[in-house]
Amino acid sequence: HARTHARSLRSEVKMKYGKLNNGSSIPLVGFGSASDVVRHEEVKAAVSNAIEVGYRHFDTAAAYKTEAALGEAITDAIRAGIVKREDVFVTSKLWCTDNHPDDVIPAIKQSLTALQVDYLDLYLIHWPVRFRKGAGFPPETENDFLPLDTKATWQAMEKCVELGLTKAIGVSNFSSKKVGDLLTYAKVPPAVNQVELHPMWQQRKLREYCNNVNIHVSAWSPLGAPNTSWGSPLVIEHPLIQEVALKHGKTPAQVALRWGVEQGISVLPKSYNKKRIIENFQIFDWQLTEEDHEKISKIEQKKTVRGEFMCNTTTSPYKTVESLWDGEI
């Protein structure tokens, strides 16, 4: 019964896509898989549910430890004939301990093995920081930081495209300035910049910049990551978001996600709850009004993840959060 229900949902919901600068299409709603506690079977079941509902974009990272569960669910769905590999958009990320030219290809190959796929659709540099091998997260001491050479790392990322290991490459948690620096030497430009983005951290300057240089923006924690150690419920509890939700007969989460999609960005909500997996997907058959946008644009801005843990005065490339984000904080 659940299966026919999921199928009927799928026919009602028409996915919208963004266009990447490598010619690929990126589904504007993706399934996020970062959580504090990883239970393999729970993640796998959630991804299977999401595929049934119609999700075709899955976001993971070496650091999330969810690649294997995601890979099993996708492999099962392919074997069952529910999807083909080319129907699914899979993103993973290079962790800070591998942010070095010699480590990029071994790292992406490890991700491919865990995910049981031959190629990624998108591979991102997770943060503009490098840690020593074996460093924990957040880093425990200043000795955990190593000198960063983004140019050399990027050349290795470009090699991944050349070798067919990924279709597109990009960055995550990069400011406008850091993206601009990268563009001065990139032979393959970043297709995506994945950043914290939601109604309480709207990133107007960064979005405008990325739009001008033809880089797609993806939102991690598009609901503000309520129920996690790094996030907060402030976005979905915001009185204005609740007011707009009530008016449309939608949930606050749906309003926050619809707001993102109407900005032309892709949103990556994470939920392992079947009801919310469905709910987060049902944002294509209605829209916000100009008045809603006007209201949301006036929400006071506050970044949730400031990245203090990436900064120190000796070994990090960034002494302060201001320099980590180049003032976009």
C-alpha atoms as a PDB file:
ATOM      1  CA  HIS A   1       0.000   0.000   0.000  1.00  0.00           C
ATOM      2  CA  ALA A   2       2.801   2.390   0.923  1.00  0.00           C
ATOM      3  CA  ARG A   3       4.341   1.696  -2.459  1.00  0.00           C
ATOM      4  CA  THR A   4       1.274   2.678  -4.501  1.00  0.00           C
ATOM      5  CA  HIS A   5       0.842   5.702  -2.245  1.00  0.00           C
ATOM      6  CA  ALA A   6       4.436   6.763  -2.937  1.00  0.00           C
ATOM      7  CA  ARG A   7       3.895   6.220  -6.645  1.00  0.00           C
ATOM      8  CA  SER A   8       0.788   8.360  -6.745  1.00  0.00           C
ATOM      9  CA  LEU A   9       2.694  11.093  -4.887  1.00  0.00           C
ATOM     10  CA  ARG A  10       5.474  10.908  -7.410  1.00  0.00           C
ATOM     11  CA  SER A  11       3.162  11.487 -10.344  1.00  0.00           C
ATOM     12  CA  GLU A  12       1.725  14.605  -8.690  1.00  0.00           C
ATOM     13  CA  VAL A  13       5.096  16.149  -7.861  1.00  0.00           C
ATOM     14  CA  LYS A  14       7.088  17.450 -10.814  1.00  0.00           C
ATOM     15  CA  MET A  15      10.720  17.968  -9.870  1.00  0.00           C
ATOM     16  CA  LYS A  16      12.362  21.214 -10.934  1.00  0.00           C
ATOM     17  CA  TYR A  17      15.987  21.311 -12.062  1.00  0.00           C
ATOM     18  CA  GLY A  18      18.824  23.803 -12.098  1.00  0.00           C
ATOM     19  CA  LYS A  19      21.431  23.826 -14.860  1.00  0.00           C
ATOM     20  CA  LEU A  20      25.115  23.425 -13.976  1.00  0.00           C
ATOM     21  CA  ASN A  21      27.952  25.021 -15.963  1.00  0.00           C
ATOM     22  CA  ASN A  22      29.085  21.549 -17.112  1.00  0.00           C
ATOM     23  CA  GLY A  23      25.724  21.016 -18.852  1.00  0.00           C
ATOM     24  CA  SER A  24      24.250  18.678 -16.206  1.00  0.00           C
ATOM     25  CA  SER A  25      20.874  19.197 -14.560  1.00  0.00           C
ATOM     26  CA  ILE A  26      20.684  19.275 -10.763  1.00  0.00           C
ATOM     27  CA  PRO A  27      17.386  18.422  -9.025  1.00  0.00           C
ATOM     28  CA  LEU A  28      16.442  21.390  -6.822  1.00  0.00           C
ATOM     29  CA  VAL A  29      15.435  19.223  -3.869  1.00  0.00           C
ATOM     30  CA  GLY A  30      18.039  16.794  -2.618  1.00  0.00           C
ATOM     31  CA  PHE A  31      18.243  14.429   0.313  1.00  0.00           C
ATOM     32  CA  GLY A  32      20.800  15.502   2.934  1.00  0.00           C
ATOM     33  CA  SER A  33      22.528  12.820   5.000  1.00  0.00           C
ATOM     34  CA  ALA A  34      24.554  14.563   7.719  1.00  0.00           C
ATOM     35  CA  SER A  35      23.505  13.701  11.260  1.00  0.00           C
ATOM     36  CA  ASP A  36      25.042  13.458  14.713  1.00  0.00           C
ATOM     37  CA  VAL A  37      24.457   9.720  15.032  1.00  0.00           C
ATOM     38  CA  VAL A  38      24.767   7.404  12.049  1.00  0.00           C
ATOM     39  CA  ARG A  39      22.717   4.225  12.197  1.00  0.00           C
ATOM     40  CA  HIS A  40      23.405   2.370   8.965  1.00  0.00           C
ATOM     41  CA  GLU A  41      20.018   0.643   8.641  1.00  0.00           C
ATOM     42  CA  GLU A  42      18.125   3.833   9.486  1.00  0.00           C
ATOM     43  CA  VAL A  43      19.959   5.825   6.813  1.00  0.00           C
ATOM     44  CA  LYS A  44      19.509   3.062   4.234  1.00  0.00           C
ATOM     45  CA  ALA A  45      15.758   2.784   4.929  1.00  0.00           C
ATOM     46  CA  ALA A  46      15.351   6.568   4.742  1.00  0.00           C
ATOM     47  CA  VAL A  47      17.140   6.736   1.376  1.00  0.00           C
ATOM     48  CA  SER A  48      14.984   3.879   0.039  1.00  0.00           C
ATOM     49  CA  ASN A  49      11.898   5.781   1.172  1.00  0.00           C
ATOM     50  CA  ALA A  50      13.180   8.946  -0.450  1.00  0.00           C
ATOM     51  CA  ILE A  51      13.761   7.150  -3.772  1.00  0.00           C
ATOM     52  CA  GLU A  52      10.187   5.783  -3.626  1.00  0.00           C
ATOM     53  CA  VAL A  53       8.850   9.286  -2.982  1.00  0.00           C
ATOM     54  CA  GLY A  54      10.739  10.617  -6.003  1.00  0.00           C
ATOM     55  CA  TYR A  55      14.001  12.118  -4.672  1.00  0.00           C
ATOM     56  CA  ARG A  56      16.766  11.828  -7.255  1.00  0.00           C
ATOM     57  CA  HIS A  57      19.479  13.979  -5.671  1.00  0.00           C
ATOM     58  CA  PHE A  58      21.500  12.620  -2.744  1.00  0.00           C
ATOM     59  CA  ASP A  59      24.099  14.548  -0.802  1.00  0.00           C
ATOM     60  CA  THR A  60      26.766  12.865   1.305  1.00  0.00           C
ATOM     61  CA  ALA A  61      30.428  13.280   2.292  1.00  0.00           C
ATOM     62  CA  ALA A  62      33.287  11.133   3.512  1.00  0.00           C
ATOM     63  CA  ALA A  63      32.958  12.960   6.837  1.00  0.00           C
ATOM     64  CA  TYR A  64      29.269  12.031   7.272  1.00  0.00           C
ATOM     65  CA  LYS A  65      29.963   8.285   7.281  1.00  0.00           C
ATOM     66  CA  THR A  66      26.702   7.751   5.373  1.00  0.00           C
ATOM     67  CA  GLU A  67      28.175   6.906   1.956  1.00  0.00           C
ATOM     68  CA  ALA A  68      27.877   3.121   2.413  1.00  0.00           C
ATOM     69  CA  ALA A  69      24.230   3.197   3.526  1.00  0.00           C
ATOM     70  CA  LEU A  70      23.343   5.580   0.705  1.00  0.00           C
ATOM     71  CA  GLY A  71      25.179   3.354  -1.777  1.00  0.00           C
ATOM     72  CA  GLU A  72      23.319   0.240  -0.655  1.00  0.00           C
ATOM     73  CA  ALA A  73      19.931   1.920  -0.993  1.00  0.00           C
ATOM     74  CA  ILE A  74      20.754   3.281  -4.460  1.00  0.00           C
ATOM     75  CA  THR A  75      22.169  -0.080  -5.590  1.00  0.00           C
ATOM     76  CA  ASP A  76      19.026  -1.869  -4.360  1.00  0.00           C
ATOM     77  CA  ALA A  77      16.808   0.625  -6.193  1.00  0.00           C
ATOM     78  CA  ILE A  78      18.801   0.172  -9.414  1.00  0.00           C
ATOM     79  CA  ARG A  79      18.606  -3.632  -9.106  1.00  0.00           C
ATOM     80  CA  ALA A  80      14.871  -3.420  -8.476  1.00  0.00           C
ATOM     81  CA  GLY A  81      14.483  -1.354 -11.647  1.00  0.00           C
ATOM     82  CA  ILE A  82      13.104   1.680  -9.753  1.00  0.00           C
ATOM     83  CA  VAL A  83      15.846   3.971 -11.066  1.00  0.00           C
ATOM     84  CA  LYS A  84      18.824   3.853 -13.407  1.00  0.00           C
ATOM     85  CA  ARG A  85      22.203   5.222 -12.338  1.00  0.00           C
ATOM     86  CA  GLU A  86      21.844   8.144 -14.746  1.00  0.00           C
ATOM     87  CA  ASP A  87      18.544   9.162 -13.086  1.00  0.00           C
ATOM     88  CA  VAL A  88      20.284   9.796  -9.776  1.00  0.00           C
ATOM     89  CA  PHE A  89      22.441  12.806  -8.885  1.00  0.00           C
ATOM     90  CA  VAL A  90      25.038  11.854  -6.261  1.00  0.00           C
ATOM     91  CA  THR A  91      27.288  14.340  -4.458  1.00  0.00           C
ATOM     92  CA  SER A  92      30.143  13.584  -2.071  1.00  0.00           C
ATOM     93  CA  LYS A  93      32.882  15.725  -0.560  1.00  0.00           C
ATOM     94  CA  LEU A  94      36.628  15.724   0.022  1.00  0.00           C
ATOM     95  CA  TRP A  95      37.297  15.918   3.759  1.00  0.00           C
ATOM     96  CA  CYS A  96      39.882  18.297   5.291  1.00  0.00           C
ATOM     97  CA  THR A  97      42.331  15.459   6.062  1.00  0.00           C
ATOM     98  CA  ASP A  98      42.500  14.764   2.302  1.00  0.00           C
ATOM     99  CA  ASN A  99      42.726  18.408   1.204  1.00  0.00           C
ATOM    100  CA  HIS A 100      46.065  17.840  -0.522  1.00  0.00           C
ATOM    101  CA  PRO A 101      46.782  17.082  -4.206  1.00  0.00           C
ATOM    102  CA  ASP A 102      48.174  13.586  -3.494  1.00  0.00           C
ATOM    103  CA  ASP A 103      45.108  12.576  -1.481  1.00  0.00           C
ATOM    104  CA  VAL A 104      42.264  13.677  -3.767  1.00  0.00           C
ATOM    105  CA  ILE A 105      42.167  10.721  -6.162  1.00  0.00           C
ATOM    106  CA  PRO A 106      42.527   8.067  -3.412  1.00  0.00           C
ATOM    107  CA  ALA A 107      39.765   9.888  -1.458  1.00  0.00           C
ATOM    108  CA  ILE A 108      37.278  10.046  -4.335  1.00  0.00           C
ATOM    109  CA  LYS A 109      37.972   6.380  -5.148  1.00  0.00           C
ATOM    110  CA  GLN A 110      37.212   5.480  -1.547  1.00  0.00           C
ATOM    111  CA  SER A 111      33.920   7.386  -1.784  1.00  0.00           C
ATOM    112  CA  LEU A 112      33.049   5.641  -5.054  1.00  0.00           C
ATOM    113  CA  THR A 113      33.712   2.247  -3.483  1.00  0.00           C
ATOM    114  CA  ALA A 114      31.589   3.060  -0.430  1.00  0.00           C
ATOM    115  CA  LEU A 115      28.777   4.368  -2.649  1.00  0.00           C
ATOM    116  CA  GLN A 116      29.048   1.410  -5.084  1.00  0.00           C
ATOM    117  CA  VAL A 117      29.030   3.747  -8.098  1.00  0.00           C
ATOM    118  CA  ASP A 118      31.516   4.229 -10.961  1.00  0.00           C
ATOM    119  CA  TYR A 119      31.301   8.008 -10.938  1.00  0.00           C
ATOM    120  CA  LEU A 120      29.930  10.895  -8.877  1.00  0.00           C
ATOM    121  CA  ASP A 121      27.781  13.635 -10.346  1.00  0.00           C
ATOM    122  CA  LEU A 122      29.485  16.192  -8.119  1.00  0.00           C
ATOM    123  CA  TYR A 123      32.561  16.183  -5.882  1.00  0.00           C
ATOM    124  CA  LEU A 124      33.150  19.127  -3.547  1.00  0.00           C
ATOM    125  CA  ILE A 125      36.021  20.431  -1.435  1.00  0.00           C
ATOM    126  CA  HIS A 126      34.208  20.299   1.925  1.00  0.00           C
ATOM    127  CA  TRP A 127      35.976  23.285   3.592  1.00  0.00           C
ATOM    128  CA  PRO A 128      38.823  25.609   2.574  1.00  0.00           C
ATOM    129  CA  VAL A 129      40.978  24.069   5.347  1.00  0.00           C
ATOM    130  CA  ARG A 130      43.468  21.190   5.614  1.00  0.00           C
ATOM    131  CA  PHE A 131      43.939  18.893   8.636  1.00  0.00           C
ATOM    132  CA  ARG A 132      46.624  16.325   9.325  1.00  0.00           C
ATOM    133  CA  LYS A 133      45.704  12.654   8.861  1.00  0.00           C
ATOM    134  CA  GLY A 134      43.818  11.266  11.821  1.00  0.00           C
ATOM    135  CA  ALA A 135      42.735  14.687  13.115  1.00  0.00           C
ATOM    136  CA  GLY A 136      39.369  14.655  14.848  1.00  0.00           C
ATOM    137  CA  PHE A 137      36.536  17.050  14.197  1.00  0.00           C
ATOM    138  CA  PRO A 138      36.347  19.651  15.468  1.00  0.00           C
ATOM    139  CA  PRO A 139      40.178  19.725  15.555  1.00  0.00           C
ATOM    140  CA  GLU A 140      41.507  19.275  19.068  1.00  0.00           C
ATOM    141  CA  THR A 141      44.783  21.155  18.842  1.00  0.00           C
ATOM    142  CA  GLU A 142      46.469  23.715  16.628  1.00  0.00           C
ATOM    143  CA  ASN A 143      48.787  20.907  15.433  1.00  0.00           C
ATOM    144  CA  ASP A 144      45.833  19.403  13.584  1.00  0.00           C
ATOM    145  CA  PHE A 145      46.058  22.134  10.921  1.00  0.00           C
ATOM    146  CA  LEU A 146      48.402  21.867   7.931  1.00  0.00           C
ATOM    147  CA  PRO A 147      49.321  24.421   5.249  1.00  0.00           C
ATOM    148  CA  LEU A 148      46.656  24.674   2.555  1.00  0.00           C
ATOM    149  CA  ASP A 149      47.294  24.878  -1.190  1.00  0.00           C
ATOM    150  CA  THR A 150      43.880  25.158  -2.807  1.00  0.00           C
ATOM    151  CA  LYS A 151      45.339  25.647  -6.272  1.00  0.00           C
ATOM    152  CA  ALA A 152      47.185  22.318  -6.148  1.00  0.00           C
ATOM    153  CA  THR A 153      44.155  20.556  -4.651  1.00  0.00           C
ATOM    154  CA  TRP A 154      41.939  22.026  -7.372  1.00  0.00           C
ATOM    155  CA  GLN A 155      44.243  20.679 -10.088  1.00  0.00           C
ATOM    156  CA  ALA A 156      43.756  17.217  -8.572  1.00  0.00           C
ATOM    157  CA  MET A 157      39.979  17.802  -8.512  1.00  0.00           C
ATOM    158  CA  GLU A 158      40.186  18.665 -12.234  1.00  0.00           C
ATOM    159  CA  LYS A 159      42.057  15.395 -12.787  1.00  0.00           C
ATOM    160  CA  CYS A 160      39.044  13.567 -11.247  1.00  0.00           C
ATOM    161  CA  VAL A 161      36.863  15.032 -14.019  1.00  0.00           C
ATOM    162  CA  GLU A 162      39.441  14.086 -16.660  1.00  0.00           C
ATOM    163  CA  LEU A 163      39.541  10.505 -15.350  1.00  0.00           C
ATOM    164  CA  GLY A 164      35.727  10.253 -15.404  1.00  0.00           C
ATOM    165  CA  LEU A 165      35.526   9.793 -11.615  1.00  0.00           C
ATOM    166  CA  THR A 166      33.099  12.714 -11.322  1.00  0.00           C
ATOM    167  CA  LYS A 167      31.068  14.723 -13.824  1.00  0.00           C
ATOM    168  CA  ALA A 168      31.365  18.011 -11.967  1.00  0.00           C
ATOM    169  CA  ILE A 169      33.525  19.494  -9.221  1.00  0.00           C
ATOM    170  CA  GLY A 170      32.828  22.300  -6.822  1.00  0.00           C
ATOM    171  CA  VAL A 171      33.358  23.759  -3.382  1.00  0.00           C
ATOM    172  CA  SER A 172      31.558  24.074  -0.075  1.00  0.00           C
ATOM    173  CA  ASN A 173      31.756  26.815   2.558  1.00  0.00           C
ATOM    174  CA  PHE A 174      33.638  29.165   0.207  1.00  0.00           C
ATOM    175  CA  SER A 175      33.091  32.940   0.402  1.00  0.00           C
ATOM    176  CA  SER A 176      32.670  35.071  -2.751  1.00  0.00           C
ATOM    177  CA  LYS A 177      36.334  36.055  -2.475  1.00  0.00           C
ATOM    178  CA  LYS A 178      37.539  32.451  -2.196  1.00  0.00           C
ATOM    179  CA  VAL A 179      35.452  31.470  -5.210  1.00  0.00           C
ATOM    180  CA  GLY A 180      36.890  34.466  -7.099  1.00  0.00           C
ATOM    181  CA  ASP A 181      40.463  33.450  -6.223  1.00  0.00           C
ATOM    182  CA  LEU A 182      39.748  29.917  -7.456  1.00  0.00           C
ATOM    183  CA  LEU A 183      38.376  31.238 -10.762  1.00  0.00           C
ATOM    184  CA  THR A 184      41.664  33.017 -11.499  1.00  0.00           C
ATOM    185  CA  TYR A 185      43.397  29.669 -12.117  1.00  0.00           C
ATOM    186  CA  ALA A 186      40.670  27.012 -12.530  1.00  0.00           C
ATOM    187  CA  LYS A 187      40.675  25.308 -15.924  1.00  0.00           C
ATOM    188  CA  VAL A 188      37.442  23.574 -14.921  1.00  0.00           C
ATOM    189  CA  PRO A 189      35.355  26.122 -13.004  1.00  0.00           C
ATOM    190  CA  PRO A 190      33.485  24.989  -9.877  1.00  0.00           C
ATOM    191  CA  ALA A 191      29.928  23.989 -10.836  1.00  0.00           C
ATOM    192  CA  VAL A 192      28.519  24.434  -7.329  1.00  0.00           C
ATOM    193  CA  ASN A 193      29.189  26.230  -4.040  1.00  0.00           C
ATOM    194  CA  GLN A 194      27.331  24.473  -1.216  1.00  0.00           C
ATOM    195  CA  VAL A 195      26.828  26.716   1.805  1.00  0.00           C
ATOM    196  CA  GLU A 196      24.616  27.278   4.828  1.00  0.00           C
ATOM    197  CA  LEU A 197      21.549  29.027   3.441  1.00  0.00           C
ATOM    198  CA  HIS A 198      18.015  29.494   4.789  1.00  0.00           C
ATOM    199  CA  PRO A 199      15.644  32.390   5.562  1.00  0.00           C
ATOM    200  CA  MET A 200      17.776  33.409   8.560  1.00  0.00           C
ATOM    201  CA  TRP A 201      21.027  33.300   6.552  1.00  0.00           C
ATOM    202  CA  GLN A 202      20.062  34.328   3.042  1.00  0.00           C
ATOM    203  CA  GLN A 203      23.547  34.911   1.598  1.00  0.00           C
ATOM    204  CA  ARG A 204      22.375  37.588  -0.862  1.00  0.00           C
ATOM    205  CA  LYS A 205      25.860  38.820  -1.731  1.00  0.00           C
ATOM    206  CA  LEU A 206      27.221  35.308  -2.312  1.00  0.00           C
ATOM    207  CA  ARG A 207      24.189  34.272  -4.377  1.00  0.00           C
ATOM    208  CA  GLU A 208      24.460  37.333  -6.567  1.00  0.00           C
ATOM    209  CA  TYR A 209      28.186  36.771  -7.054  1.00  0.00           C
ATOM    210  CA  CYS A 210      27.810  33.060  -7.890  1.00  0.00           C
ATOM    211  CA  ASN A 211      24.948  33.834 -10.244  1.00  0.00           C
ATOM    212  CA  ASN A 212      27.130  36.340 -12.119  1.00  0.00           C
ATOM    213  CA  VAL A 213      29.927  33.799 -12.587  1.00  0.00           C
ATOM    214  CA  ASN A 214      27.539  30.935 -13.461  1.00  0.00           C
ATOM    215  CA  ILE A 215      28.049  28.844 -10.315  1.00  0.00           C
ATOM    216  CA  HIS A 216      25.015  27.092  -8.856  1.00  0.00           C
ATOM    217  CA  VAL A 217      24.397  27.529  -5.127  1.00  0.00           C
ATOM    218  CA  SER A 218      23.210  24.607  -2.978  1.00  0.00           C
ATOM    219  CA  ALA A 219      21.893  25.045   0.555  1.00  0.00           C
ATOM    220  CA  TRP A 220      23.003  22.806   3.371  1.00  0.00           C
ATOM    221  CA  SER A 221      20.799  22.967   6.472  1.00  0.00           C
ATOM    222  CA  PRO A 222      18.035  24.751   4.494  1.00  0.00           C
ATOM    223  CA  LEU A 223      15.775  24.345   7.543  1.00  0.00           C
ATOM    224  CA  GLY A 224      18.483  25.598   9.910  1.00  0.00           C
ATOM    225  CA  ALA A 225      19.168  21.994  11.050  1.00  0.00           C
ATOM    226  CA  PRO A 226      16.694  21.834  13.979  1.00  0.00           C
ATOM    227  CA  ASN A 227      17.450  18.592  16.036  1.00  0.00           C
ATOM    228  CA  THR A 228      21.236  18.624  15.428  1.00  0.00           C
ATOM    229  CA  SER A 229      24.223  19.656  17.521  1.00  0.00           C
ATOM    230  CA  TRP A 230      25.256  22.279  14.946  1.00  0.00           C
ATOM    231  CA  GLY A 231      21.866  23.731  14.049  1.00  0.00           C
ATOM    232  CA  SER A 232      18.877  25.348  15.695  1.00  0.00           C
ATOM    233  CA  PRO A 233      15.067  25.286  15.485  1.00  0.00           C
ATOM    234  CA  LEU A 234      14.972  29.076  15.043  1.00  0.00           C
ATOM    235  CA  VAL A 235      14.233  28.959  11.310  1.00  0.00           C
ATOM    236  CA  ILE A 236      11.161  26.737  11.445  1.00  0.00           C
ATOM    237  CA  GLU A 237      10.035  28.358  14.701  1.00  0.00           C
ATOM    238  CA  HIS A 238      10.343  31.862  13.250  1.00  0.00           C
ATOM    239  CA  PRO A 239       6.965  33.627  13.695  1.00  0.00           C
ATOM    240  CA  LEU A 240       7.086  35.008  10.175  1.00  0.00           C
ATOM    241  CA  ILE A 241       7.803  31.631   8.579  1.00  0.00           C
ATOM    242  CA  GLN A 242       4.985  30.168  10.685  1.00  0.00           C
ATOM    243  CA  GLU A 243       2.620  32.931   9.606  1.00  0.00           C
ATOM    244  CA  VAL A 244       3.346  32.341   5.895  1.00  0.00           C
ATOM    245  CA  ALA A 245       2.942  28.579   6.427  1.00  0.00           C
ATOM    246  CA  LEU A 246      -0.445  29.020   8.062  1.00  0.00           C
ATOM    247  CA  LYS A 247      -1.609  31.259   5.229  1.00  0.00           C
ATOM    248  CA  HIS A 248      -0.723  28.627   2.585  1.00  0.00           C
ATOM    249  CA  GLY A 249      -1.794  25.605   4.626  1.00  0.00           C
ATOM    250  CA  LYS A 250       1.818  24.342   4.522  1.00  0.00           C
ATOM    251  CA  THR A 251       4.398  23.507   7.177  1.00  0.00           C
ATOM    252  CA  PRO A 252       7.153  25.969   8.152  1.00  0.00           C
ATOM    253  CA  ALA A 253       9.697  23.527   6.672  1.00  0.00           C
ATOM    254  CA  GLN A 254       7.875  23.558   3.336  1.00  0.00           C
ATOM    255  CA  VAL A 255       7.881  27.362   3.325  1.00  0.00           C
ATOM    256  CA  ALA A 256      11.639  27.518   4.027  1.00  0.00           C
ATOM    257  CA  LEU A 257      12.356  24.984   1.253  1.00  0.00           C
ATOM    258  CA  ARG A 258      10.001  26.609  -1.250  1.00  0.00           C
ATOM    259  CA  TRP A 259      11.665  29.961  -0.505  1.00  0.00           C
ATOM    260  CA  GLY A 260      15.042  28.426  -1.415  1.00  0.00           C
ATOM    261  CA  VAL A 261      13.836  26.824  -4.631  1.00  0.00           C
ATOM    262  CA  GLU A 262      12.225  30.105  -5.717  1.00  0.00           C
ATOM    263  CA  GLN A 263      15.667  31.729  -5.301  1.00  0.00           C
ATOM    264  CA  GLY A 264      16.962  29.226  -7.884  1.00  0.00           C
ATOM    265  CA  ILE A 265      19.086  27.294  -5.400  1.00  0.00           C
ATOM    266  CA  SER A 266      18.969  23.589  -4.607  1.00  0.00           C
ATOM    267  CA  VAL A 267      17.997  22.666  -1.062  1.00  0.00           C
ATOM    268  CA  LEU A 268      19.237  19.591   0.809  1.00  0.00           C
ATOM    269  CA  PRO A 269      16.933  18.904   3.757  1.00  0.00           C
ATOM    270  CA  LYS A 270      17.866  15.926   5.918  1.00  0.00           C
ATOM    271  CA  SER A 271      15.160  13.827   7.483  1.00  0.00           C
ATOM    272  CA  TYR A 272      14.990  10.114   8.207  1.00  0.00           C
ATOM    273  CA  ASN A 273      11.312  10.407   9.128  1.00  0.00           C
ATOM    274  CA  LYS A 274       9.005   9.036   6.379  1.00  0.00           C
ATOM    275  CA  LYS A 275       6.328  11.682   6.887  1.00  0.00           C
ATOM    276  CA  ARG A 276       8.811  14.558   6.685  1.00  0.00           C
ATOM    277  CA  ILE A 277      10.681  12.991   3.767  1.00  0.00           C
ATOM    278  CA  ILE A 278       7.395  13.208   1.849  1.00  0.00           C
ATOM    279  CA  GLU A 279       6.544  16.668   3.198  1.00  0.00           C
ATOM    280  CA  ASN A 280       9.956  18.123   2.243  1.00  0.00           C
ATOM    281  CA  PHE A 281       9.380  16.955  -1.318  1.00  0.00           C
ATOM    282  CA  GLN A 282       5.914  18.473  -1.742  1.00  0.00           C
ATOM    283  CA  ILE A 283       6.967  21.984  -2.632  1.00  0.00           C
ATOM    284  CA  PHE A 284       6.448  22.134  -6.388  1.00  0.00           C
ATOM    285  CA  ASP A 285       2.683  22.503  -6.803  1.00  0.00           C
ATOM    286  CA  TRP A 286       2.286  25.862  -5.014  1.00  0.00           C
ATOM    287  CA  GLN A 287       4.228  29.094  -4.659  1.00  0.00           C
ATOM    288  CA  LEU A 288       5.006  32.000  -2.378  1.00  0.00           C
ATOM    289  CA  THR A 289       3.619  35.446  -3.151  1.00  0.00           C
ATOM    290  CA  GLU A 290       5.651  38.600  -3.689  1.00  0.00           C
ATOM    291  CA  GLU A 291       4.407  39.754  -0.315  1.00  0.00           C
ATOM    292  CA  ASP A 292       5.767  36.548   1.293  1.00  0.00           C
ATOM    293  CA  HIS A 293       9.170  37.182  -0.298  1.00  0.00           C
ATOM    294  CA  GLU A 294       9.093  40.781   0.847  1.00  0.00           C
ATOM    295  CA  LYS A 295       8.439  39.676   4.443  1.00  0.00           C
ATOM    296  CA  ILE A 296      11.049  36.914   4.413  1.00  0.00           C
ATOM    297  CA  SER A 297      13.665  39.302   3.009  1.00  0.00           C
ATOM    298  CA  LYS A 298      13.337  41.402   6.174  1.00  0.00           C
ATOM    299  CA  ILE A 299      14.131  38.566   8.615  1.00  0.00           C
ATOM    300  CA  GLU A 300      17.086  39.385  10.846  1.00  0.00           C
ATOM    301  CA  GLN A 301      20.170  37.519   9.633  1.00  0.00           C
ATOM    302  CA  LYS A 302      22.287  35.239  11.813  1.00  0.00           C
ATOM    303  CA  LYS A 303      24.638  32.486  10.659  1.00  0.00           C
ATOM    304  CA  THR A 304      24.289  29.289  12.677  1.00  0.00           C
ATOM    305  CA  VAL A 305      27.622  27.596  11.890  1.00  0.00           C
ATOM    306  CA  ARG A 306      30.252  30.306  12.197  1.00  0.00           C
ATOM    307  CA  GLY A 307      33.216  27.943  11.959  1.00  0.00           C
ATOM    308  CA  GLU A 308      35.201  29.167  14.984  1.00  0.00           C
ATOM    309  CA  PHE A 309      36.638  25.634  15.109  1.00  0.00           C
ATOM    310  CA  MET A 310      38.371  26.294  11.771  1.00  0.00           C
ATOM    311  CA  CYS A 311      40.251  29.336  13.069  1.00  0.00           C
ATOM    312  CA  ASN A 312      43.288  29.922  15.279  1.00  0.00           C
ATOM    313  CA  THR A 313      46.098  32.472  15.415  1.00  0.00           C
ATOM    314  CA  THR A 314      48.978  30.121  14.569  1.00  0.00           C
ATOM    315  CA  THR A 315      48.380  27.191  12.212  1.00  0.00           C
ATOM    316  CA  SER A 316      45.020  27.830  10.534  1.00  0.00           C
ATOM    317  CA  PRO A 317      44.923  29.903   7.332  1.00  0.00           C
ATOM    318  CA  TYR A 318      42.279  31.947   9.199  1.00  0.00           C
ATOM    319  CA  LYS A 319      42.958  33.778  12.434  1.00  0.00           C
ATOM    320  CA  THR A 320      39.319  34.872  12.753  1.00  0.00           C
ATOM    321  CA  VAL A 321      35.874  33.908  11.485  1.00  0.00           C
ATOM    322  CA  GLU A 322      35.918  37.191   9.529  1.00  0.00           C
ATOM    323  CA  SER A 323      38.834  35.951   7.464  1.00  0.00           C
ATOM    324  CA  LEU A 324      37.333  32.455   7.077  1.00  0.00           C
ATOM    325  CA  TRP A 325      34.242  34.030   5.464  1.00  0.00           C
ATOM    326  CA  ASP A 326      36.020  37.146   4.115  1.00  0.00           C
ATOM    327  CA  GLY A 327      33.589  39.406   5.921  1.00  0.00           C
ATOM    328  CA  GLU A 328      30.458  37.514   4.775  1.00  0.00           C
ATOM    329  CA  ILE A 329      29.477  36.770   8.355  1.00  0.00           C
END
